[in-house]
Amino acid sequence: MFASIRGTKIYFDIEGPGLVPDGPVMRERPVAFILHGGPGGDHSGFKPSFSPLAQRMQLVYVDHRGQGRSQKGDPEGYTLDENVEDLEALRQYLGVEKFVSMGTSYGGMVSMAHAARYPDSVSHLVAIVTAAHGGFMQAAQKIIAERGTPEQQRVCGMLWDGTLDTVEKLKHYYAVMGPLYSVSAQDPAAGADARARTLHEPAALNRAFRPDGFLRDYDIRAELKAITAKTLILAGRHDWICPPEFSEEIHRLIPGSELRIFERSSHSIRADEPEALLDAIKGFLVY
């Protein structure tokens, strides 16, 4: 499904009913917006791993502008600020008063910025393996220099240089980096089907990470105190690109937030500790 908003078309998909029978009445379930990372990916990586959450809430999977099945446009407009405004416009388009904002990696950056700028629109915030400022890139570069194979160092150099400019290069990047994104993905073939299903958009990735990319000076730390939503922060102990100290920092900056670090996970908690991840989210979202 598409929402025609803000001069573009945003793709979204819905899983789970919004109204369920409860004795003599129909009970309304909470709505959760699921935001993918990258940038340059799509929502497909959450399926079917997040599907069990649809037993408790209605899930709205969103592809950021210019990515996945959303309408392509000028890549200069593929920025966090635009994604934040798209998210708020989509909330209004769907007629949702307040929603659960659940963002992973780059999606977590969008979720946090939106929750800070539109606090009345968000009831709960779940920020997964993310960071509040661009310093995560310097930390990741240090980790790759220390732990990465020569090929991992080479493809990461392309990420920092903004030269992952074709879908084929991007697919190779994720195949090579798989063992660092996921502790459990040591088999080079692991995740091949998921990578094949993903609609990659190199222009969006490079708009963020290139030498003049918007994530270079990204910093929302001063904004986080404006978040009023009940907040859960989830991190992977072995995360190479958003190391857990960045989640610890977010926890300090969002009043009343909760933090959990998954000791057997890297950046992809969904792959490394899927049941524990879902249990943490379900335990937090008590209605």
Protein backbone atom coordinates (compact mmCIF):
# COMPACT_ATOMS: atom_id res chain seq x y z
CA MET A 1 0.00 0.00 0.00
CA PHE A 2 1.13 3.53 -0.68
CA ALA A 3 0.57 6.83 1.08
CA SER A 4 0.84 9.88 -1.18
CA ILE A 5 2.39 12.37 1.21
CA ARG A 6 4.85 15.25 1.04
CA GLY A 7 5.39 15.01 -2.70
CA THR A 8 6.24 11.30 -2.75
CA LYS A 9 4.70 7.86 -2.23
CA ILE A 10 5.65 5.96 0.92
CA TYR A 11 5.14 2.20 0.89
CA PHE A 12 3.71 0.59 4.00
CA ASP A 13 2.42 -2.87 4.82
CA ILE A 14 0.15 -3.84 7.70
CA GLU A 15 0.20 -7.05 9.71
CA GLY A 16 -2.43 -7.86 12.33
CA PRO A 17 -5.91 -6.47 13.00
CA GLY A 18 -6.50 -3.13 14.61
CA LEU A 19 -9.74 -4.30 16.22
CA VAL A 20 -10.24 -7.69 17.87
CA PRO A 21 -13.33 -9.27 19.49
CA ASP A 22 -13.28 -9.16 23.28
CA GLY A 23 -16.52 -10.54 24.66
CA PRO A 24 -19.34 -8.10 23.86
CA VAL A 25 -17.01 -5.39 22.47
CA MET A 26 -14.35 -4.84 19.84
CA ARG A 27 -11.05 -3.94 21.49
CA GLU A 28 -8.61 -1.58 19.79
CA ARG A 29 -5.01 -2.75 19.62
CA PRO A 30 -2.01 -0.42 19.74
CA VAL A 31 -0.34 0.44 16.43
CA ALA A 32 3.42 0.02 15.99
CA PHE A 33 5.41 1.59 13.16
CA ILE A 34 8.44 -0.56 12.24
CA LEU A 35 11.35 1.40 10.73
CA HIS A 36 14.20 -0.29 8.89
CA GLY A 37 17.87 0.54 8.87
CA GLY A 38 20.50 1.20 6.26
CA PRO A 39 19.68 3.66 4.99
CA GLY A 40 19.27 1.90 1.67
CA GLY A 41 17.34 -1.19 2.79
CA ASP A 42 13.68 -1.98 3.18
CA HIS A 43 11.26 -3.45 5.71
CA SER A 44 11.51 -7.05 4.50
CA GLY A 45 14.15 -8.06 7.06
CA PHE A 46 11.52 -7.85 9.79
CA LYS A 47 9.46 -10.60 8.18
CA PRO A 48 8.78 -13.10 9.63
CA SER A 49 10.88 -12.36 12.72
CA PHE A 50 8.58 -9.60 14.03
CA SER A 51 5.34 -11.34 13.02
CA PRO A 52 4.69 -12.75 16.53
CA LEU A 53 4.28 -9.15 17.74
CA ALA A 54 1.16 -8.92 15.57
CA GLN A 55 -0.59 -11.08 18.17
CA ARG A 56 -0.54 -8.05 20.47
CA MET A 57 -0.54 -5.01 18.19
CA GLN A 58 -1.05 -3.91 14.63
CA LEU A 59 2.27 -3.64 12.83
CA VAL A 60 2.87 -1.01 10.15
CA TYR A 61 6.07 -1.76 8.22
CA VAL A 62 7.45 1.33 6.48
CA ASP A 63 9.94 1.79 3.64
CA HIS A 64 11.72 5.15 3.92
CA ARG A 65 11.37 7.54 1.00
CA GLY A 66 13.30 6.45 -2.08
CA GLN A 67 13.92 3.02 -0.57
CA GLY A 68 12.37 -0.39 -0.87
CA ARG A 69 9.01 -0.04 -2.62
CA SER A 70 8.63 3.65 -1.87
CA GLN A 71 8.82 6.09 -4.75
CA LYS A 72 12.29 7.04 -5.98
CA GLY A 73 13.21 10.71 -6.14
CA ASP A 74 16.14 13.08 -5.83
CA PRO A 75 18.69 11.34 -3.55
CA GLU A 76 19.59 14.70 -2.02
CA GLY A 77 16.21 14.48 -0.29
CA TYR A 78 17.01 11.12 1.31
CA THR A 79 17.83 12.56 4.71
CA LEU A 80 16.91 11.92 8.32
CA ASP A 81 14.96 15.16 8.60
CA GLU A 82 12.84 14.20 5.59
CA ASN A 83 12.29 10.71 7.02
CA VAL A 84 11.11 12.22 10.30
CA GLU A 85 8.60 14.46 8.55
CA ASP A 86 7.44 11.54 6.38
CA LEU A 87 6.82 9.48 9.51
CA GLU A 88 4.68 12.19 11.08
CA ALA A 89 2.79 12.70 7.81
CA LEU A 90 2.16 8.94 7.56
CA ARG A 91 0.78 8.92 11.11
CA GLN A 92 -1.67 11.65 10.14
CA TYR A 93 -2.51 9.94 6.83
CA LEU A 94 -3.43 6.72 8.63
CA GLY A 95 -5.40 8.54 11.32
CA VAL A 96 -3.32 7.16 14.20
CA GLU A 97 -3.36 9.32 17.33
CA LYS A 98 -0.33 7.79 19.06
CA PHE A 99 1.83 4.90 17.98
CA VAL A 100 4.60 2.65 19.20
CA SER A 101 7.74 3.72 17.33
CA MET A 102 10.10 0.80 16.79
CA GLY A 103 13.30 1.63 14.89
CA THR A 104 16.36 -0.49 14.23
CA SER A 105 19.81 0.97 13.47
CA TYR A 106 19.21 3.95 11.14
CA GLY A 107 15.50 3.43 11.73
CA GLY A 108 16.21 3.97 15.43
CA MET A 109 17.75 7.34 14.61
CA VAL A 110 14.59 8.33 12.76
CA SER A 111 12.39 7.01 15.58
CA MET A 112 14.29 8.92 18.25
CA ALA A 113 14.35 12.20 16.29
CA HIS A 114 10.63 11.90 15.54
CA ALA A 115 9.77 11.11 19.17
CA ALA A 116 11.74 14.18 20.28
CA ARG A 117 10.19 16.52 17.71
CA TYR A 118 6.65 15.13 17.94
CA PRO A 119 6.35 13.85 21.52
CA ASP A 120 2.55 13.85 21.46
CA SER A 121 2.54 11.37 18.55
CA VAL A 122 4.43 8.54 20.27
CA SER A 123 3.27 6.41 23.20
CA HIS A 124 6.25 4.04 23.34
CA LEU A 125 9.69 4.12 21.74
CA VAL A 126 11.85 1.05 21.10
CA ALA A 127 15.33 2.04 19.88
CA ILE A 128 17.27 -0.99 18.69
CA VAL A 129 21.04 -1.07 18.00
CA THR A 130 21.30 2.62 17.21
CA ALA A 131 23.17 5.82 18.06
CA ALA A 132 22.34 9.46 18.75
CA HIS A 133 25.25 11.00 16.84
CA GLY A 134 27.67 10.33 13.99
CA GLY A 135 30.51 9.34 16.29
CA PHE A 136 29.44 5.74 15.80
CA MET A 137 31.26 5.81 12.45
CA GLN A 138 34.62 6.56 14.02
CA ALA A 139 34.06 3.78 16.54
CA ALA A 140 33.14 1.35 13.75
CA GLN A 141 36.22 2.28 11.73
CA LYS A 142 38.42 1.49 14.73
CA ILE A 143 36.71 -1.88 15.26
CA ILE A 144 37.11 -2.81 11.58
CA ALA A 145 40.78 -1.87 11.68
CA GLU A 146 41.25 -4.14 14.69
CA ARG A 147 38.96 -7.08 13.90
CA GLY A 148 38.09 -6.98 10.22
CA THR A 149 39.51 -9.23 7.53
CA PRO A 150 41.25 -7.54 4.59
CA GLU A 151 38.10 -7.90 2.48
CA GLN A 152 35.91 -6.52 5.27
CA GLN A 153 38.25 -3.56 5.60
CA ARG A 154 38.09 -3.02 1.83
CA VAL A 155 34.30 -3.00 1.56
CA CYS A 156 33.99 -0.79 4.65
CA GLY A 157 36.34 1.65 2.97
CA MET A 158 33.81 1.80 0.14
CA LEU A 159 31.06 2.49 2.69
CA TRP A 160 32.96 5.42 4.18
CA ASP A 161 33.97 6.71 0.72
CA GLY A 162 30.44 6.56 -0.68
CA THR A 163 31.43 4.20 -3.50
CA LEU A 164 28.99 1.35 -2.83
CA ASP A 165 27.16 2.67 -5.87
CA THR A 166 25.53 -0.43 -7.35
CA VAL A 167 23.15 -3.04 -6.00
CA GLU A 168 25.71 -5.73 -6.75
CA LYS A 169 28.38 -3.94 -4.66
CA LEU A 170 25.92 -3.48 -1.83
CA LYS A 171 24.92 -7.13 -1.84
CA HIS A 172 28.59 -8.13 -1.78
CA TYR A 173 29.19 -5.73 1.12
CA TYR A 174 26.46 -7.35 3.24
CA ALA A 175 27.61 -10.86 2.32
CA VAL A 176 31.19 -10.08 3.37
CA MET A 177 30.13 -8.24 6.53
CA GLY A 178 27.57 -10.84 7.61
CA PRO A 179 29.80 -12.45 10.28
CA LEU A 180 30.26 -9.04 11.93
CA TYR A 181 26.62 -8.02 11.73
CA SER A 182 25.56 -11.30 13.34
CA VAL A 183 27.47 -13.48 15.81
CA SER A 184 25.51 -16.51 14.60
CA ALA A 185 26.09 -15.88 10.88
CA GLN A 186 29.55 -17.37 10.52
CA ASP A 187 28.47 -19.43 7.51
CA PRO A 188 28.98 -17.26 4.38
CA ALA A 189 25.69 -18.61 3.00
CA ALA A 190 23.74 -17.60 6.09
CA GLY A 191 21.22 -14.89 5.36
CA ALA A 192 21.50 -15.32 1.59
CA ASP A 193 17.73 -15.57 1.14
CA ALA A 194 17.10 -12.50 3.27
CA ARG A 195 19.69 -10.51 1.32
CA ALA A 196 18.09 -11.65 -1.94
CA ARG A 197 14.66 -10.48 -0.77
CA THR A 198 15.92 -7.03 0.23
CA LEU A 199 15.48 -4.19 -2.26
CA HIS A 200 18.77 -2.31 -1.88
CA GLU A 201 19.08 1.38 -2.75
CA PRO A 202 22.76 2.47 -2.95
CA ALA A 203 21.89 6.15 -3.46
CA ALA A 204 20.24 6.32 -0.02
CA LEU A 205 23.18 4.60 1.69
CA ASN A 206 25.74 6.88 0.08
CA ARG A 207 23.68 9.99 0.82
CA ALA A 208 24.17 9.12 4.50
CA PHE A 209 27.74 7.76 4.67
CA ARG A 210 29.71 9.52 1.93
CA PRO A 211 32.33 12.09 3.06
CA ASP A 212 29.73 14.87 2.98
CA GLY A 213 26.85 12.61 3.98
CA PHE A 214 24.26 13.77 6.47
CA LEU A 215 25.27 11.21 9.11
CA ARG A 216 28.71 12.81 9.33
CA ASP A 217 27.29 15.69 11.37
CA TYR A 218 24.21 13.90 12.68
CA ASP A 219 23.70 14.69 16.37
CA ILE A 220 20.36 14.61 18.20
CA ARG A 221 21.73 14.27 21.73
CA ALA A 222 20.44 17.67 22.78
CA GLU A 223 16.96 16.73 21.52
CA LEU A 224 16.55 13.50 23.46
CA LYS A 225 15.42 15.18 26.67
CA ALA A 226 12.24 16.20 24.84
CA ILE A 227 11.13 12.57 24.47
CA THR A 228 8.16 11.80 26.70
CA ALA A 229 7.33 8.34 25.35
CA LYS A 230 8.08 5.34 27.52
CA THR A 231 11.41 4.19 26.06
CA LEU A 232 13.25 0.88 25.72
CA ILE A 233 16.80 0.79 24.34
CA LEU A 234 18.21 -2.51 23.06
CA ALA A 235 21.84 -3.15 22.14
CA GLY A 236 24.12 -6.01 21.13
CA ARG A 237 27.27 -6.52 23.17
CA HIS A 238 29.33 -7.37 20.06
CA ASP A 239 27.83 -4.76 17.71
CA TRP A 240 30.56 -3.43 15.43
CA ILE A 241 28.75 -0.48 13.84
CA CYS A 242 26.61 0.83 16.72
CA PRO A 243 28.62 -0.41 19.73
CA PRO A 244 26.70 -0.69 23.02
CA GLU A 245 28.28 2.41 24.53
CA PHE A 246 26.13 4.45 22.14
CA SER A 247 22.98 2.83 23.54
CA GLU A 248 24.27 3.46 27.06
CA GLU A 249 24.61 7.12 26.14
CA ILE A 250 21.04 7.25 24.80
CA HIS A 251 19.85 5.65 28.05
CA ARG A 252 21.51 8.42 30.06
CA LEU A 253 19.95 11.13 27.89
CA ILE A 254 16.32 9.92 27.71
CA PRO A 255 14.65 10.42 31.10
CA GLY A 256 13.23 7.24 32.61
CA SER A 257 14.38 4.99 29.76
CA GLU A 258 15.19 1.30 30.11
CA LEU A 259 18.29 -0.35 28.65
CA ARG A 260 19.02 -3.97 27.85
CA ILE A 261 22.24 -5.27 26.30
CA PHE A 262 22.08 -8.69 24.64
CA GLU A 263 25.28 -10.47 25.56
CA ARG A 264 25.25 -12.96 22.66
CA SER A 265 24.35 -10.53 19.88
CA SER A 266 25.98 -8.20 17.42
CA HIS A 267 24.07 -5.65 15.30
CA SER A 268 21.41 -8.18 14.29
CA ILE A 269 19.76 -9.19 17.54
CA ARG A 270 16.93 -10.55 15.36
CA ALA A 271 19.32 -13.22 14.08
CA ASP A 272 21.40 -13.83 17.21
CA GLU A 273 18.80 -13.86 20.02
CA PRO A 274 15.39 -13.68 18.31
CA GLU A 275 13.24 -15.11 21.10
CA ALA A 276 14.91 -12.98 23.78
CA LEU A 277 14.41 -9.89 21.60
CA LEU A 278 10.70 -10.53 21.19
CA ASP A 279 10.32 -11.31 24.90
CA ALA A 280 11.98 -8.00 25.79
CA ILE A 281 9.70 -6.04 23.48
CA LYS A 282 6.55 -7.87 24.63
CA GLY A 283 7.48 -7.37 28.27
CA PHE A 284 7.96 -3.67 27.70
CA LEU A 285 4.76 -3.11 25.71
CA VAL A 286 2.20 -4.02 28.35
CA TYR A 287 -1.28 -2.66 27.56
